[in-house]
PDB file of all heavy atoms in Angstrom:
ATOM      1  N   ILE A   1       0.839  -1.179   0.010  1.00  0.00           N
ATOM      2  CA  ILE A   1      -0.001   0.012  -0.012  1.00  0.00           C
ATOM      3  C   ILE A   1       0.885   1.256  -0.003  1.00  0.00           C
ATOM      4  O   ILE A   1       1.931   1.283   0.659  1.00  0.00           O
ATOM      5  CB  ILE A   1      -0.898   0.022   1.263  1.00  0.00           C
ATOM      6  CG1 ILE A   1      -1.816  -1.204   1.289  1.00  0.00           C
ATOM      7  CG2 ILE A   1      -1.725   1.322   1.324  1.00  0.00           C
ATOM      8  CD1 ILE A   1      -2.879  -1.227   0.180  1.00  0.00           C
ATOM      9  N   LEU A   2       0.432   2.266  -0.715  1.00  0.00           N
ATOM     10  CA  LEU A   2       1.016   3.593  -0.612  1.00  0.00           C
ATOM     11  C   LEU A   2      -0.101   4.594  -0.330  1.00  0.00           C
ATOM     12  O   LEU A   2      -0.904   4.848  -1.213  1.00  0.00           O
ATOM     13  CB  LEU A   2       1.759   3.980  -1.890  1.00  0.00           C
ATOM     14  CG  LEU A   2       2.515   5.330  -1.842  1.00  0.00           C
ATOM     15  CD1 LEU A   2       3.656   5.249  -0.846  1.00  0.00           C
ATOM     16  CD2 LEU A   2       2.989   5.744  -3.214  1.00  0.00           C
ATOM     17  N   GLN A   3      -0.148   5.055   0.891  1.00  0.00           N
ATOM     18  CA  GLN A   3      -1.110   6.032   1.336  1.00  0.00           C
ATOM     19  C   GLN A   3      -0.509   7.437   1.050  1.00  0.00           C
ATOM     20  O   GLN A   3       0.557   7.725   1.623  1.00  0.00           O
ATOM     21  CB  GLN A   3      -1.468   5.872   2.779  1.00  0.00           C
ATOM     22  CG  GLN A   3      -2.428   6.896   3.313  1.00  0.00           C
ATOM     23  CD  GLN A   3      -3.847   6.806   2.678  1.00  0.00           C
ATOM     24  OE1 GLN A   3      -4.383   5.732   2.565  1.00  0.00           O
ATOM     25  NE2 GLN A   3      -4.408   7.967   2.320  1.00  0.00           N
ATOM     26  N   MET A   4      -1.204   8.234   0.249  1.00  0.00           N
ATOM     27  CA  MET A   4      -0.674   9.543  -0.122  1.00  0.00           C
ATOM     28  C   MET A   4      -1.639  10.630   0.363  1.00  0.00           C
ATOM     29  O   MET A   4      -2.790  10.675  -0.061  1.00  0.00           O
ATOM     30  CB  MET A   4      -0.501   9.614  -1.648  1.00  0.00           C
ATOM     31  CG  MET A   4       0.324   8.489  -2.231  1.00  0.00           C
ATOM     32  SD  MET A   4       0.660   8.676  -3.994  1.00  0.00           S
ATOM     33  CE  MET A   4      -1.015   8.511  -4.654  1.00  0.00           C
ATOM     34  N   ASN A   5      -1.134  11.461   1.263  1.00  0.00           N
ATOM     35  CA  ASN A   5      -1.923  12.553   1.808  1.00  0.00           C
ATOM     36  C   ASN A   5      -1.276  13.905   1.406  1.00  0.00           C
ATOM     37  O   ASN A   5      -0.141  13.923   0.991  1.00  0.00           O
ATOM     38  CB  ASN A   5      -1.992  12.424   3.309  1.00  0.00           C
ATOM     39  CG  ASN A   5      -2.630  11.158   3.796  1.00  0.00           C
ATOM     40  OD1 ASN A   5      -3.546  10.615   3.149  1.00  0.00           O
ATOM     41  ND2 ASN A   5      -2.189  10.646   4.945  1.00  0.00           N
ATOM     42  N   SER A   6      -2.046  14.942   1.575  1.00  0.00           N
ATOM     43  CA  SER A   6      -1.572  16.273   1.271  1.00  0.00           C
ATOM     44  C   SER A   6      -0.906  16.331  -0.128  1.00  0.00           C
ATOM     45  O   SER A   6       0.168  16.871  -0.274  1.00  0.00           O
ATOM     46  CB  SER A   6      -0.570  16.755   2.345  1.00  0.00           C
ATOM     47  OG  SER A   6      -1.169  16.718   3.623  1.00  0.00           O
ATOM     48  N   LEU A   7      -1.576  15.787  -1.094  1.00  0.00           N
ATOM     49  CA  LEU A   7      -1.015  15.690  -2.410  1.00  0.00           C
ATOM     50  C   LEU A   7      -0.819  17.088  -3.047  1.00  0.00           C
ATOM     51  O   LEU A   7      -1.600  18.012  -2.803  1.00  0.00           O
ATOM     52  CB  LEU A   7      -1.888  14.832  -3.318  1.00  0.00           C
ATOM     53  CG  LEU A   7      -1.734  13.341  -3.046  1.00  0.00           C
ATOM     54  CD1 LEU A   7      -2.921  12.567  -3.604  1.00  0.00           C
ATOM     55  CD2 LEU A   7      -0.456  12.830  -3.707  1.00  0.00           C
ATOM     56  N   LYS A   8       0.226  17.179  -3.837  1.00  0.00           N
ATOM     57  CA  LYS A   8       0.603  18.426  -4.517  1.00  0.00           C
ATOM     58  C   LYS A   8       0.636  18.179  -6.005  1.00  0.00           C
ATOM     59  O   LYS A   8       0.829  17.041  -6.455  1.00  0.00           O
ATOM     60  CB  LYS A   8       1.979  18.868  -4.033  1.00  0.00           C
ATOM     61  CG  LYS A   8       2.138  19.019  -2.539  1.00  0.00           C
ATOM     62  CD  LYS A   8       3.557  19.377  -2.183  1.00  0.00           C
ATOM     63  CE  LYS A   8       3.712  19.556  -0.678  1.00  0.00           C
ATOM     64  NZ  LYS A   8       5.129  19.879  -0.296  1.00  0.00           N
ATOM     65  N   PRO A   9       0.477  19.230  -6.806  1.00  0.00           N
ATOM     66  CA  PRO A   9       0.537  19.056  -8.261  1.00  0.00           C
ATOM     67  C   PRO A   9       1.820  18.373  -8.718  1.00  0.00           C
ATOM     68  O   PRO A   9       1.817  17.609  -9.681  1.00  0.00           O
ATOM     69  CB  PRO A   9       0.431  20.478  -8.801  1.00  0.00           C
ATOM     70  CG  PRO A   9      -0.393  21.168  -7.753  1.00  0.00           C
ATOM     71  CD  PRO A   9       0.037  20.589  -6.441  1.00  0.00           C
ATOM     72  N   GLU A  10       2.908  18.623  -8.041  1.00  0.00           N
ATOM     73  CA  GLU A  10       4.178  18.031  -8.418  1.00  0.00           C
ATOM     74  C   GLU A  10       4.260  16.521  -8.138  1.00  0.00           C
ATOM     75  O   GLU A  10       5.192  15.868  -8.515  1.00  0.00           O
ATOM     76  CB  GLU A  10       5.379  18.715  -7.772  1.00  0.00           C
ATOM     77  CG  GLU A  10       5.257  18.906  -6.279  1.00  0.00           C
ATOM     78  CD  GLU A  10       4.709  20.232  -5.877  1.00  0.00           C
ATOM     79  OE1 GLU A  10       3.773  20.737  -6.500  1.00  0.00           O
ATOM     80  OE2 GLU A  10       5.233  20.807  -4.886  1.00  0.00           O
ATOM     81  N   ASP A  11       3.242  15.987  -7.477  1.00  0.00           N
ATOM     82  CA  ASP A  11       3.146  14.524  -7.273  1.00  0.00           C
ATOM     83  C   ASP A  11       2.525  13.840  -8.462  1.00  0.00           C
ATOM     84  O   ASP A  11       2.473  12.606  -8.518  1.00  0.00           O
ATOM     85  CB  ASP A  11       2.309  14.191  -6.034  1.00  0.00           C
ATOM     86  CG  ASP A  11       2.995  14.664  -4.730  1.00  0.00           C
ATOM     87  OD1 ASP A  11       4.199  14.488  -4.595  1.00  0.00           O
ATOM     88  OD2 ASP A  11       2.253  15.209  -3.866  1.00  0.00           O
ATOM     89  N   THR A  12       2.035  14.579  -9.432  1.00  0.00           N
ATOM     90  CA  THR A  12       1.440  14.013 -10.628  1.00  0.00           C
ATOM     91  C   THR A  12       2.437  13.176 -11.401  1.00  0.00           C
ATOM     92  O   THR A  12       3.531  13.616 -11.719  1.00  0.00           O
ATOM     93  CB  THR A  12       0.923  15.125 -11.568  1.00  0.00           C
ATOM     94  OG1 THR A  12      -0.180  15.801 -10.881  1.00  0.00           O
ATOM     95  CG2 THR A  12       0.383  14.554 -12.872  1.00  0.00           C
ATOM     96  N   ALA A  13       2.068  11.919 -11.652  1.00  0.00           N
ATOM     97  CA  ALA A  13       2.970  10.964 -12.304  1.00  0.00           C
ATOM     98  C   ALA A  13       2.263   9.614 -12.466  1.00  0.00           C
ATOM     99  O   ALA A  13       1.194   9.405 -11.900  1.00  0.00           O
ATOM    100  CB  ALA A  13       4.263  10.752 -11.498  1.00  0.00           C
ATOM    101  N   VAL A  14       2.877   8.755 -13.189  1.00  0.00           N
ATOM    102  CA  VAL A  14       2.514   7.364 -13.216  1.00  0.00           C
ATOM    103  C   VAL A  14       3.260   6.680 -12.059  1.00  0.00           C
ATOM    104  O   VAL A  14       4.484   6.795 -12.006  1.00  0.00           O
ATOM    105  CB  VAL A  14       2.785   6.644 -14.525  1.00  0.00           C
ATOM    106  CG1 VAL A  14       2.432   5.172 -14.437  1.00  0.00           C
ATOM    107  CG2 VAL A  14       2.017   7.309 -15.664  1.00  0.00           C
ATOM    108  N   TYR A  15       2.532   6.011 -11.199  1.00  0.00           N
ATOM    109  CA  TYR A  15       3.156   5.335 -10.043  1.00  0.00           C
ATOM    110  C   TYR A  15       3.228   3.857 -10.296  1.00  0.00           C
ATOM    111  O   TYR A  15       2.275   3.215 -10.711  1.00  0.00           O
ATOM    112  CB  TYR A  15       2.337   5.620  -8.782  1.00  0.00           C
ATOM    113  CG  TYR A  15       2.569   7.002  -8.225  1.00  0.00           C
ATOM    114  CD1 TYR A  15       2.073   8.138  -8.883  1.00  0.00           C
ATOM    115  CD2 TYR A  15       3.250   7.197  -7.060  1.00  0.00           C
ATOM    116  CE1 TYR A  15       2.300   9.399  -8.394  1.00  0.00           C
ATOM    117  CE2 TYR A  15       3.517   8.458  -6.587  1.00  0.00           C
ATOM    118  CZ  TYR A  15       3.036   9.553  -7.214  1.00  0.00           C
ATOM    119  OH  TYR A  15       3.264  10.816  -6.725  1.00  0.00           O
ATOM    120  N   TYR A  16       4.410   3.290 -10.035  1.00  0.00           N
ATOM    121  CA  TYR A  16       4.679   1.886 -10.249  1.00  0.00           C
ATOM    122  C   TYR A  16       5.067   1.222  -8.920  1.00  0.00           C
ATOM    123  O   TYR A  16       5.834   1.789  -8.127  1.00  0.00           O
ATOM    124  CB  TYR A  16       5.881   1.677 -11.214  1.00  0.00           C
ATOM    125  CG  TYR A  16       5.674   2.266 -12.568  1.00  0.00           C
ATOM    126  CD1 TYR A  16       6.036   3.591 -12.854  1.00  0.00           C
ATOM    127  CD2 TYR A  16       5.142   1.497 -13.588  1.00  0.00           C
ATOM    128  CE1 TYR A  16       5.840   4.130 -14.099  1.00  0.00           C
ATOM    129  CE2 TYR A  16       4.951   2.056 -14.874  1.00  0.00           C
ATOM    130  CZ  TYR A  16       5.324   3.347 -15.113  1.00  0.00           C
ATOM    131  OH  TYR A  16       5.113   3.882 -16.359  1.00  0.00           O
ATOM    132  N   CYS A  17       4.587   0.012  -8.697  1.00  0.00           N
ATOM    133  CA  CYS A  17       5.108  -0.780  -7.616  1.00  0.00           C
ATOM    134  C   CYS A  17       6.142  -1.783  -8.179  1.00  0.00           C
ATOM    135  O   CYS A  17       6.061  -2.139  -9.349  1.00  0.00           O
ATOM    136  CB  CYS A  17       4.055  -1.504  -6.795  1.00  0.00           C
ATOM    137  SG  CYS A  17       3.210  -2.847  -7.693  1.00  0.00           S
ATOM    138  N   ALA A  18       7.055  -2.140  -7.321  1.00  0.00           N
ATOM    139  CA  ALA A  18       8.169  -3.032  -7.757  1.00  0.00           C
ATOM    140  C   ALA A  18       8.521  -3.962  -6.618  1.00  0.00           C
ATOM    141  O   ALA A  18       8.405  -3.611  -5.467  1.00  0.00           O
ATOM    142  CB  ALA A  18       9.406  -2.187  -8.139  1.00  0.00           C
ATOM    143  N   ALA A  19       8.995  -5.129  -6.993  1.00  0.00           N
ATOM    144  CA  ALA A  19       9.395  -6.155  -6.001  1.00  0.00           C
ATOM    145  C   ALA A  19      10.825  -6.600  -6.312  1.00  0.00           C
ATOM    146  O   ALA A  19      11.199  -6.802  -7.488  1.00  0.00           O
ATOM    147  CB  ALA A  19       8.456  -7.341  -6.082  1.00  0.00           C
ATOM    148  N   GLY A  20      11.589  -6.779  -5.262  1.00  0.00           N
ATOM    149  CA  GLY A  20      12.975  -7.232  -5.448  1.00  0.00           C
ATOM    150  C   GLY A  20      13.508  -7.836  -4.156  1.00  0.00           C
ATOM    151  O   GLY A  20      12.988  -7.610  -3.091  1.00  0.00           O
ATOM    152  N   ARG A  21      14.541  -8.607  -4.313  1.00  0.00           N
ATOM    153  CA  ARG A  21      15.227  -9.207  -3.135  1.00  0.00           C
ATOM    154  C   ARG A  21      16.550  -8.485  -3.059  1.00  0.00           C
ATOM    155  O   ARG A  21      17.588  -8.962  -3.539  1.00  0.00           O
ATOM    156  CB  ARG A  21      15.374 -10.713  -3.314  1.00  0.00           C
ATOM    157  CG  ARG A  21      14.037 -11.412  -3.456  1.00  0.00           C
ATOM    158  CD  ARG A  21      14.180 -12.917  -3.426  1.00  0.00           C
ATOM    159  NE  ARG A  21      14.596 -13.366  -2.124  1.00  0.00           N
ATOM    160  CZ  ARG A  21      14.748 -14.663  -1.789  1.00  0.00           C
ATOM    161  NH1 ARG A  21      14.474 -15.601  -2.673  1.00  0.00           N
ATOM    162  NH2 ARG A  21      15.129 -15.006  -0.579  1.00  0.00           N
ATOM    163  N   LEU A  22      16.528  -7.343  -2.394  1.00  0.00           N
ATOM    164  CA  LEU A  22      17.743  -6.523  -2.324  1.00  0.00           C
ATOM    165  C   LEU A  22      18.773  -7.181  -1.440  1.00  0.00           C
ATOM    166  O   LEU A  22      18.469  -7.780  -0.413  1.00  0.00           O
ATOM    167  CB  LEU A  22      17.370  -5.126  -1.791  1.00  0.00           C
ATOM    168  CG  LEU A  22      16.833  -4.149  -2.832  1.00  0.00           C
ATOM    169  CD1 LEU A  22      15.469  -4.596  -3.391  1.00  0.00           C
ATOM    170  CD2 LEU A  22      16.732  -2.736  -2.269  1.00  0.00           C
ATOM    171  N   ARG A  23      20.042  -6.976  -1.874  1.00  0.00           N
ATOM    172  CA  ARG A  23      21.153  -7.630  -1.178  1.00  0.00           C
ATOM    173  C   ARG A  23      21.722  -6.737  -0.086  1.00  0.00           C
ATOM    174  O   ARG A  23      22.827  -7.020   0.442  1.00  0.00           O
ATOM    175  CB  ARG A  23      22.231  -8.013  -2.174  1.00  0.00           C
ATOM    176  CG  ARG A  23      21.729  -9.013  -3.211  1.00  0.00           C
ATOM    177  CD  ARG A  23      22.843  -9.377  -4.172  1.00  0.00           C
ATOM    178  NE  ARG A  23      22.384 -10.336  -5.205  1.00  0.00           N
ATOM    179  CZ  ARG A  23      22.403 -11.634  -5.057  1.00  0.00           C
ATOM    180  NH1 ARG A  23      22.878 -12.153  -3.934  1.00  0.00           N
ATOM    181  NH2 ARG A  23      21.983 -12.433  -6.005  1.00  0.00           N
ATOM    182  N   ARG A  24      21.066  -5.667   0.257  1.00  0.00           N
ATOM    183  CA  ARG A  24      21.570  -4.761   1.255  1.00  0.00           C
ATOM    184  C   ARG A  24      20.443  -4.152   2.057  1.00  0.00           C
ATOM    185  O   ARG A  24      19.280  -4.221   1.618  1.00  0.00           O
ATOM    186  CB  ARG A  24      22.382  -3.624   0.552  1.00  0.00           C
ATOM    187  CG  ARG A  24      21.513  -2.767  -0.358  1.00  0.00           C
ATOM    188  CD  ARG A  24      22.350  -1.684  -1.005  1.00  0.00           C
ATOM    189  NE  ARG A  24      21.549  -0.821  -1.874  1.00  0.00           N
ATOM    190  CZ  ARG A  24      20.971   0.291  -1.441  1.00  0.00           C
ATOM    191  NH1 ARG A  24      21.058   0.696  -0.212  1.00  0.00           N
ATOM    192  NH2 ARG A  24      20.264   1.017  -2.295  1.00  0.00           N
ATOM    193  N   VAL A  25      20.774  -3.610   3.176  1.00  0.00           N
ATOM    194  CA  VAL A  25      19.798  -2.850   3.941  1.00  0.00           C
ATOM    195  C   VAL A  25      19.681  -1.475   3.281  1.00  0.00           C
ATOM    196  O   VAL A  25      20.638  -0.784   3.055  1.00  0.00           O
ATOM    197  CB  VAL A  25      20.242  -2.708   5.404  1.00  0.00           C
ATOM    198  CG1 VAL A  25      19.287  -1.782   6.167  1.00  0.00           C
ATOM    199  CG2 VAL A  25      20.324  -4.085   6.057  1.00  0.00           C
ATOM    200  N   VAL A  26      18.488  -1.054   2.960  1.00  0.00           N
ATOM    201  CA  VAL A  26      18.243   0.172   2.232  1.00  0.00           C
ATOM    202  C   VAL A  26      18.325   1.358   3.157  1.00  0.00           C
ATOM    203  O   VAL A  26      17.763   1.341   4.244  1.00  0.00           O
ATOM    204  CB  VAL A  26      16.885   0.111   1.527  1.00  0.00           C
ATOM    205  CG1 VAL A  26      16.541   1.486   0.970  1.00  0.00           C
ATOM    206  CG2 VAL A  26      16.879  -0.956   0.448  1.00  0.00           C
ATOM    207  N   GLY A  27      19.015   2.403   2.751  1.00  0.00           N
ATOM    208  CA  GLY A  27      19.102   3.648   3.484  1.00  0.00           C
ATOM    209  C   GLY A  27      20.491   3.924   4.012  1.00  0.00           C
ATOM    210  O   GLY A  27      21.254   2.968   4.218  1.00  0.00           O
ATOM    211  N   PRO A  28      20.896   5.185   4.145  1.00  0.00           N
ATOM    212  CA  PRO A  28      20.133   6.343   3.722  1.00  0.00           C
ATOM    213  C   PRO A  28      20.125   6.548   2.206  1.00  0.00           C
ATOM    214  O   PRO A  28      19.286   7.316   1.678  1.00  0.00           O
ATOM    215  CB  PRO A  28      20.870   7.495   4.413  1.00  0.00           C
ATOM    216  CG  PRO A  28      22.275   7.020   4.554  1.00  0.00           C
ATOM    217  CD  PRO A  28      22.161   5.546   4.821  1.00  0.00           C
ATOM    218  N   ALA A  29      21.052   5.893   1.472  1.00  0.00           N
ATOM    219  CA  ALA A  29      21.067   6.061   0.037  1.00  0.00           C
ATOM    220  C   ALA A  29      19.788   5.447  -0.541  1.00  0.00           C
ATOM    221  O   ALA A  29      19.367   4.350  -0.126  1.00  0.00           O
ATOM    222  CB  ALA A  29      22.269   5.427  -0.556  1.00  0.00           C
TER     223      ALA A  29
END
């Protein structure tokens, strides 16, 4: 789920979900 609140015009886009088995802990990069 992606809950989007306080939306702005600059949020306009096509949104994609993706799945992967990442080999690292994500963040901060």
